[in-house]
Amino acid sequence: MPSSTSTYQRQLQRELKRLPKEYVPNLLQIVRLYRESVTLKPARESFSEGWKEALQGKTHPIAELWKDV
């Protein structure tokens, strides 16, 4: 039984073959931007950013953070 990843890869390949060649660079840029927007930053980078925000006073009360959870 094929994995869902290989199924998605086949579907993507089929769609790419049907796409006019002149649109491929734009699609590639969209895919890269999407990947960058959904992947997590490395822990060190994330902590550094959070620490800077805390030092600048960009914080929220704990009660506010858990309000809708």
PDB file of N, CA and C in Angstrom:
ATOM      1  N   MET A   1       0.843  -1.178   0.000  1.00  0.00           N
ATOM      2  CA  MET A   1       0.000   0.000   0.000  1.00  0.00           C
ATOM      3  C   MET A   1       0.890   1.244   0.000  1.00  0.00           C
ATOM      4  N   PRO A   2       0.727   2.153  -0.956  1.00  0.00           N
ATOM      5  CA  PRO A   2       1.591   3.332  -1.031  1.00  0.00           C
ATOM      6  C   PRO A   2       1.304   4.295   0.121  1.00  0.00           C
ATOM      7  N   SER A   3       2.359   4.958   0.562  1.00  0.00           N
ATOM      8  CA  SER A   3       2.187   5.937   1.636  1.00  0.00           C
ATOM      9  C   SER A   3       1.485   7.176   1.097  1.00  0.00           C
ATOM     10  N   SER A   4       0.897   7.944   2.007  1.00  0.00           N
ATOM     11  CA  SER A   4       0.198   9.152   1.575  1.00  0.00           C
ATOM     12  C   SER A   4       1.169  10.152   0.960  1.00  0.00           C
ATOM     13  N   THR A   5       2.434  10.158   1.434  1.00  0.00           N
ATOM     14  CA  THR A   5       3.427  11.061   0.861  1.00  0.00           C
ATOM     15  C   THR A   5       3.639  10.760  -0.611  1.00  0.00           C
ATOM     16  N   SER A   6       3.810   9.487  -0.957  1.00  0.00           N
ATOM     17  CA  SER A   6       4.032   9.161  -2.364  1.00  0.00           C
ATOM     18  C   SER A   6       2.782   9.452  -3.187  1.00  0.00           C
ATOM     19  N   THR A   7       1.605   9.302  -2.592  1.00  0.00           N
ATOM     20  CA  THR A   7       0.365   9.643  -3.295  1.00  0.00           C
ATOM     21  C   THR A   7       0.336  11.131  -3.595  1.00  0.00           C
ATOM     22  N   TYR A   8       0.681  11.946  -2.599  1.00  0.00           N
ATOM     23  CA  TYR A   8       0.715  13.392  -2.811  1.00  0.00           C
ATOM     24  C   TYR A   8       1.772  13.776  -3.838  1.00  0.00           C
ATOM     25  N   GLN A   9       2.910  13.111  -3.785  1.00  0.00           N
ATOM     26  CA  GLN A   9       3.968  13.404  -4.753  1.00  0.00           C
ATOM     27  C   GLN A   9       3.498  13.111  -6.173  1.00  0.00           C
ATOM     28  N   ARG A  10       2.821  11.997  -6.346  1.00  0.00           N
ATOM     29  CA  ARG A  10       2.306  11.660  -7.680  1.00  0.00           C
ATOM     30  C   ARG A  10       1.277  12.687  -8.142  1.00  0.00           C
ATOM     31  N   GLN A  11       0.411  13.101  -7.244  1.00  0.00           N
ATOM     32  CA  GLN A  11      -0.591  14.106  -7.600  1.00  0.00           C
ATOM     33  C   GLN A  11       0.074  15.427  -7.985  1.00  0.00           C
ATOM     34  N   LEU A  12       1.082  15.821  -7.217  1.00  0.00           N
ATOM     35  CA  LEU A  12       1.805  17.049  -7.543  1.00  0.00           C
ATOM     36  C   LEU A  12       2.511  16.944  -8.890  1.00  0.00           C
ATOM     37  N   GLN A  13       3.136  15.806  -9.144  1.00  0.00           N
ATOM     38  CA  GLN A  13       3.821  15.610 -10.421  1.00  0.00           C
ATOM     39  C   GLN A  13       2.840  15.696 -11.585  1.00  0.00           C
ATOM     40  N   ARG A  14       1.666  15.100 -11.413  1.00  0.00           N
ATOM     41  CA  ARG A  14       0.642  15.171 -12.470  1.00  0.00           C
ATOM     42  C   ARG A  14       0.236  16.612 -12.737  1.00  0.00           C
ATOM     43  N   GLU A  15       0.021  17.360 -11.668  1.00  0.00           N
ATOM     44  CA  GLU A  15      -0.377  18.761 -11.830  1.00  0.00           C
ATOM     45  C   GLU A  15       0.739  19.583 -12.470  1.00  0.00           C
ATOM     46  N   LEU A  16       1.982  19.325 -12.068  1.00  0.00           N
ATOM     47  CA  LEU A  16       3.110  20.054 -12.655  1.00  0.00           C
ATOM     48  C   LEU A  16       3.233  19.792 -14.148  1.00  0.00           C
ATOM     49  N   LYS A  17       2.982  18.567 -14.562  1.00  0.00           N
ATOM     50  CA  LYS A  17       3.061  18.237 -15.990  1.00  0.00           C
ATOM     51  C   LYS A  17       1.998  18.978 -16.789  1.00  0.00           C
ATOM     52  N   ARG A  18       0.873  19.264 -16.156  1.00  0.00           N
ATOM     53  CA  ARG A  18      -0.226  19.943 -16.847  1.00  0.00           C
ATOM     54  C   ARG A  18      -0.083  21.466 -16.825  1.00  0.00           C
ATOM     55  N   LEU A  19       0.843  21.962 -16.022  1.00  0.00           N
ATOM     56  CA  LEU A  19       1.027  23.398 -15.873  1.00  0.00           C
ATOM     57  C   LEU A  19       1.912  23.941 -17.002  1.00  0.00           C
ATOM     58  N   PRO A  20       1.515  25.046 -17.632  1.00  0.00           N
ATOM     59  CA  PRO A  20       2.383  25.641 -18.656  1.00  0.00           C
ATOM     60  C   PRO A  20       3.741  26.019 -18.052  1.00  0.00           C
ATOM     61  N   LYS A  21       4.795  25.768 -18.805  1.00  0.00           N
ATOM     62  CA  LYS A  21       6.173  25.961 -18.317  1.00  0.00           C
ATOM     63  C   LYS A  21       6.430  27.374 -17.782  1.00  0.00           C
ATOM     64  N   GLU A  22       5.802  28.367 -18.387  1.00  0.00           N
ATOM     65  CA  GLU A  22       6.075  29.743 -17.957  1.00  0.00           C
ATOM     66  C   GLU A  22       5.543  30.040 -16.548  1.00  0.00           C
ATOM     67  N   TYR A  23       4.665  29.183 -16.024  1.00  0.00           N
ATOM     68  CA  TYR A  23       4.123  29.392 -14.677  1.00  0.00           C
ATOM     69  C   TYR A  23       4.926  28.680 -13.593  1.00  0.00           C
ATOM     70  N   VAL A  24       5.820  27.819 -13.977  1.00  0.00           N
ATOM     71  CA  VAL A  24       6.569  27.019 -13.003  1.00  0.00           C
ATOM     72  C   VAL A  24       7.405  27.885 -12.053  1.00  0.00           C
ATOM     73  N   PRO A  25       8.143  28.904 -12.514  1.00  0.00           N
ATOM     74  CA  PRO A  25       8.921  29.717 -11.564  1.00  0.00           C
ATOM     75  C   PRO A  25       8.044  30.378 -10.497  1.00  0.00           C
ATOM     76  N   ASN A  26       6.880  30.879 -10.894  1.00  0.00           N
ATOM     77  CA  ASN A  26       5.987  31.503  -9.913  1.00  0.00           C
ATOM     78  C   ASN A  26       5.455  30.479  -8.926  1.00  0.00           C
ATOM     79  N   LEU A  27       5.107  29.303  -9.410  1.00  0.00           N
ATOM     80  CA  LEU A  27       4.621  28.252  -8.523  1.00  0.00           C
ATOM     81  C   LEU A  27       5.713  27.845  -7.538  1.00  0.00           C
ATOM     82  N   LEU A  28       6.924  27.740  -8.015  1.00  0.00           N
ATOM     83  CA  LEU A  28       8.044  27.388  -7.146  1.00  0.00           C
ATOM     84  C   LEU A  28       8.215  28.424  -6.039  1.00  0.00           C
ATOM     85  N   GLN A  29       8.085  29.682  -6.388  1.00  0.00           N
ATOM     86  CA  GLN A  29       8.192  30.743  -5.387  1.00  0.00           C
ATOM     87  C   GLN A  29       7.063  30.625  -4.356  1.00  0.00           C
ATOM     88  N   ILE A  30       5.858  30.329  -4.804  1.00  0.00           N
ATOM     89  CA  ILE A  30       4.722  30.149  -3.890  1.00  0.00           C
ATOM     90  C   ILE A  30       4.987  28.993  -2.939  1.00  0.00           C
ATOM     91  N   VAL A  31       5.473  27.887  -3.467  1.00  0.00           N
ATOM     92  CA  VAL A  31       5.745  26.711  -2.637  1.00  0.00           C
ATOM     93  C   VAL A  31       6.813  27.026  -1.598  1.00  0.00           C
ATOM     94  N   ARG A  32       7.863  27.726  -1.990  1.00  0.00           N
ATOM     95  CA  ARG A  32       8.927  28.080  -1.040  1.00  0.00           C
ATOM     96  C   ARG A  32       8.412  29.009   0.053  1.00  0.00           C
ATOM     97  N   LEU A  33       7.623  30.016  -0.341  1.00  0.00           N
ATOM     98  CA  LEU A  33       7.064  30.933   0.652  1.00  0.00           C
ATOM     99  C   LEU A  33       6.142  30.201   1.617  1.00  0.00           C
ATOM    100  N   TYR A  34       5.360  29.276   1.095  1.00  0.00           N
ATOM    101  CA  TYR A  34       4.469  28.492   1.952  1.00  0.00           C
ATOM    102  C   TYR A  34       5.280  27.670   2.954  1.00  0.00           C
ATOM    103  N   ARG A  35       6.297  26.981   2.460  1.00  0.00           N
ATOM    104  CA  ARG A  35       7.128  26.155   3.344  1.00  0.00           C
ATOM    105  C   ARG A  35       7.755  27.003   4.444  1.00  0.00           C
ATOM    106  N   GLU A  36       8.270  28.167   4.079  1.00  0.00           N
ATOM    107  CA  GLU A  36       8.896  29.042   5.067  1.00  0.00           C
ATOM    108  C   GLU A  36       7.891  29.554   6.091  1.00  0.00           C
ATOM    109  N   SER A  37       6.638  29.722   5.673  1.00  0.00           N
ATOM    110  CA  SER A  37       5.633  30.259   6.594  1.00  0.00           C
ATOM    111  C   SER A  37       5.109  29.212   7.566  1.00  0.00           C
ATOM    112  N   VAL A  38       5.210  27.936   7.235  1.00  0.00           N
ATOM    113  CA  VAL A  38       4.647  26.906   8.112  1.00  0.00           C
ATOM    114  C   VAL A  38       5.694  26.141   8.911  1.00  0.00           C
ATOM    115  N   THR A  39       6.952  26.248   8.550  1.00  0.00           N
ATOM    116  CA  THR A  39       7.977  25.513   9.296  1.00  0.00           C
ATOM    117  C   THR A  39       8.385  26.297  10.537  1.00  0.00           C
ATOM    118  N   LEU A  40       8.726  25.569  11.579  1.00  0.00           N
ATOM    119  CA  LEU A  40       9.137  26.198  12.829  1.00  0.00           C
ATOM    120  C   LEU A  40      10.569  26.698  12.734  1.00  0.00           C
ATOM    121  N   LYS A  41      10.820  27.810  13.416  1.00  0.00           N
ATOM    122  CA  LYS A  41      12.183  28.320  13.502  1.00  0.00           C
ATOM    123  C   LYS A  41      12.972  27.412  14.436  1.00  0.00           C
ATOM    124  N   PRO A  42      14.289  27.366  14.281  1.00  0.00           N
ATOM    125  CA  PRO A  42      15.104  26.613  15.238  1.00  0.00           C
ATOM    126  C   PRO A  42      14.895  27.175  16.649  1.00  0.00           C
ATOM    127  N   ALA A  43      15.000  26.320  17.653  1.00  0.00           N
ATOM    128  CA  ALA A  43      14.737  26.719  19.039  1.00  0.00           C
ATOM    129  C   ALA A  43      15.569  27.929  19.454  1.00  0.00           C
ATOM    130  N   ARG A  44      16.836  27.944  19.086  1.00  0.00           N
ATOM    131  CA  ARG A  44      17.716  29.058  19.478  1.00  0.00           C
ATOM    132  C   ARG A  44      17.196  30.380  18.906  1.00  0.00           C
ATOM    133  N   GLU A  45      16.818  30.372  17.642  1.00  0.00           N
ATOM    134  CA  GLU A  45      16.316  31.583  16.997  1.00  0.00           C
ATOM    135  C   GLU A  45      14.991  32.020  17.628  1.00  0.00           C
ATOM    136  N   SER A  46      14.121  31.068  17.883  1.00  0.00           N
ATOM    137  CA  SER A  46      12.827  31.365  18.489  1.00  0.00           C
ATOM    138  C   SER A  46      13.002  31.947  19.891  1.00  0.00           C
ATOM    139  N   PHE A  47      13.881  31.346  20.687  1.00  0.00           N
ATOM    140  CA  PHE A  47      14.137  31.850  22.040  1.00  0.00           C
ATOM    141  C   PHE A  47      14.721  33.253  21.985  1.00  0.00           C
ATOM    142  N   SER A  48      15.685  33.479  21.099  1.00  0.00           N
ATOM    143  CA  SER A  48      16.314  34.805  20.986  1.00  0.00           C
ATOM    144  C   SER A  48      15.279  35.868  20.648  1.00  0.00           C
ATOM    145  N   GLU A  49      14.395  35.544  19.728  1.00  0.00           N
ATOM    146  CA  GLU A  49      13.352  36.494  19.337  1.00  0.00           C
ATOM    147  C   GLU A  49      12.413  36.772  20.520  1.00  0.00           C
ATOM    148  N   GLY A  50      12.013  35.718  21.220  1.00  0.00           N
ATOM    149  CA  GLY A  50      11.141  35.883  22.382  1.00  0.00           C
ATOM    150  C   GLY A  50      11.803  36.675  23.497  1.00  0.00           C
ATOM    151  N   TRP A  51      13.091  36.440  23.713  1.00  0.00           N
ATOM    152  CA  TRP A  51      13.821  37.155  24.756  1.00  0.00           C
ATOM    153  C   TRP A  51      13.897  38.639  24.428  1.00  0.00           C
ATOM    154  N   LYS A  52      14.172  38.966  23.166  1.00  0.00           N
ATOM    155  CA  LYS A  52      14.213  40.373  22.743  1.00  0.00           C
ATOM    156  C   LYS A  52      12.869  41.043  22.992  1.00  0.00           C
ATOM    157  N   GLU A  53      11.786  40.351  22.619  1.00  0.00           N
ATOM    158  CA  GLU A  53      10.446  40.906  22.820  1.00  0.00           C
ATOM    159  C   GLU A  53      10.164  41.120  24.304  1.00  0.00           C
ATOM    160  N   ALA A  54      10.576  40.182  25.140  1.00  0.00           N
ATOM    161  CA  ALA A  54      10.364  40.321  26.586  1.00  0.00           C
ATOM    162  C   ALA A  54      11.127  41.526  27.127  1.00  0.00           C
ATOM    163  N   LEU A  55      12.370  41.700  26.690  1.00  0.00           N
ATOM    164  CA  LEU A  55      13.172  42.834  27.148  1.00  0.00           C
ATOM    165  C   LEU A  55      12.583  44.162  26.687  1.00  0.00           C
ATOM    166  N   GLN A  56      11.887  44.157  25.561  1.00  0.00           N
ATOM    167  CA  GLN A  56      11.252  45.370  25.041  1.00  0.00           C
ATOM    168  C   GLN A  56       9.869  45.600  25.656  1.00  0.00           C
ATOM    169  N   GLY A  57       9.464  44.709  26.555  1.00  0.00           N
ATOM    170  CA  GLY A  57       8.163  44.865  27.207  1.00  0.00           C
ATOM    171  C   GLY A  57       6.992  44.367  26.381  1.00  0.00           C
ATOM    172  N   LYS A  58       7.270  43.646  25.326  1.00  0.00           N
ATOM    173  CA  LYS A  58       6.201  43.101  24.476  1.00  0.00           C
ATOM    174  C   LYS A  58       5.717  41.778  25.071  1.00  0.00           C
ATOM    175  N   THR A  59       5.010  41.884  26.192  1.00  0.00           N
ATOM    176  CA  THR A  59       4.542  40.694  26.899  1.00  0.00           C
ATOM    177  C   THR A  59       3.032  40.773  27.117  1.00  0.00           C
ATOM    178  N   HIS A  60       2.440  39.648  27.496  1.00  0.00           N
ATOM    179  CA  HIS A  60       1.012  39.564  27.806  1.00  0.00           C
ATOM    180  C   HIS A  60       0.855  38.866  29.152  1.00  0.00           C
ATOM    181  N   PRO A  61      -0.134  39.278  29.959  1.00  0.00           N
ATOM    182  CA  PRO A  61      -0.372  38.578  31.223  1.00  0.00           C
ATOM    183  C   PRO A  61      -0.742  37.115  30.971  1.00  0.00           C
ATOM    184  N   ILE A  62      -0.313  36.231  31.852  1.00  0.00           N
ATOM    185  CA  ILE A  62      -0.594  34.803  31.686  1.00  0.00           C
ATOM    186  C   ILE A  62      -2.086  34.548  31.588  1.00  0.00           C
ATOM    187  N   ALA A  63      -2.881  35.240  32.404  1.00  0.00           N
ATOM    188  CA  ALA A  63      -4.338  35.041  32.376  1.00  0.00           C
ATOM    189  C   ALA A  63      -4.898  35.329  30.986  1.00  0.00           C
ATOM    190  N   GLU A  64      -4.326  36.308  30.312  1.00  0.00           N
ATOM    191  CA  GLU A  64      -4.784  36.649  28.960  1.00  0.00           C
ATOM    192  C   GLU A  64      -4.393  35.559  27.953  1.00  0.00           C
ATOM    193  N   LEU A  65      -3.231  34.974  28.151  1.00  0.00           N
ATOM    194  CA  LEU A  65      -2.768  33.933  27.227  1.00  0.00           C
ATOM    195  C   LEU A  65      -3.659  32.699  27.280  1.00  0.00           C
ATOM    196  N   TRP A  66      -4.213  32.379  28.446  1.00  0.00           N
ATOM    197  CA  TRP A  66      -5.010  31.168  28.625  1.00  0.00           C
ATOM    198  C   TRP A  66      -6.511  31.426  28.529  1.00  0.00           C
ATOM    199  N   LYS A  67      -6.907  32.649  28.218  1.00  0.00           N
ATOM    200  CA  LYS A  67      -8.315  33.031  28.227  1.00  0.00           C
ATOM    201  C   LYS A  67      -9.191  32.138  27.349  1.00  0.00           C
ATOM    202  N   ASP A  68      -8.804  31.883  26.134  1.00  0.00           N
ATOM    203  CA  ASP A  68      -9.632  31.129  25.182  1.00  0.00           C
ATOM    204  C   ASP A  68      -9.248  29.663  25.057  1.00  0.00           C
ATOM    205  N   VAL A  69      -8.372  29.201  25.925  1.00  0.00           N
ATOM    206  CA  VAL A  69      -7.916  27.812  25.827  1.00  0.00           C
ATOM    207  C   VAL A  69      -8.808  26.902  26.627  1.00  0.00           C
TER     208      VAL A  69
END
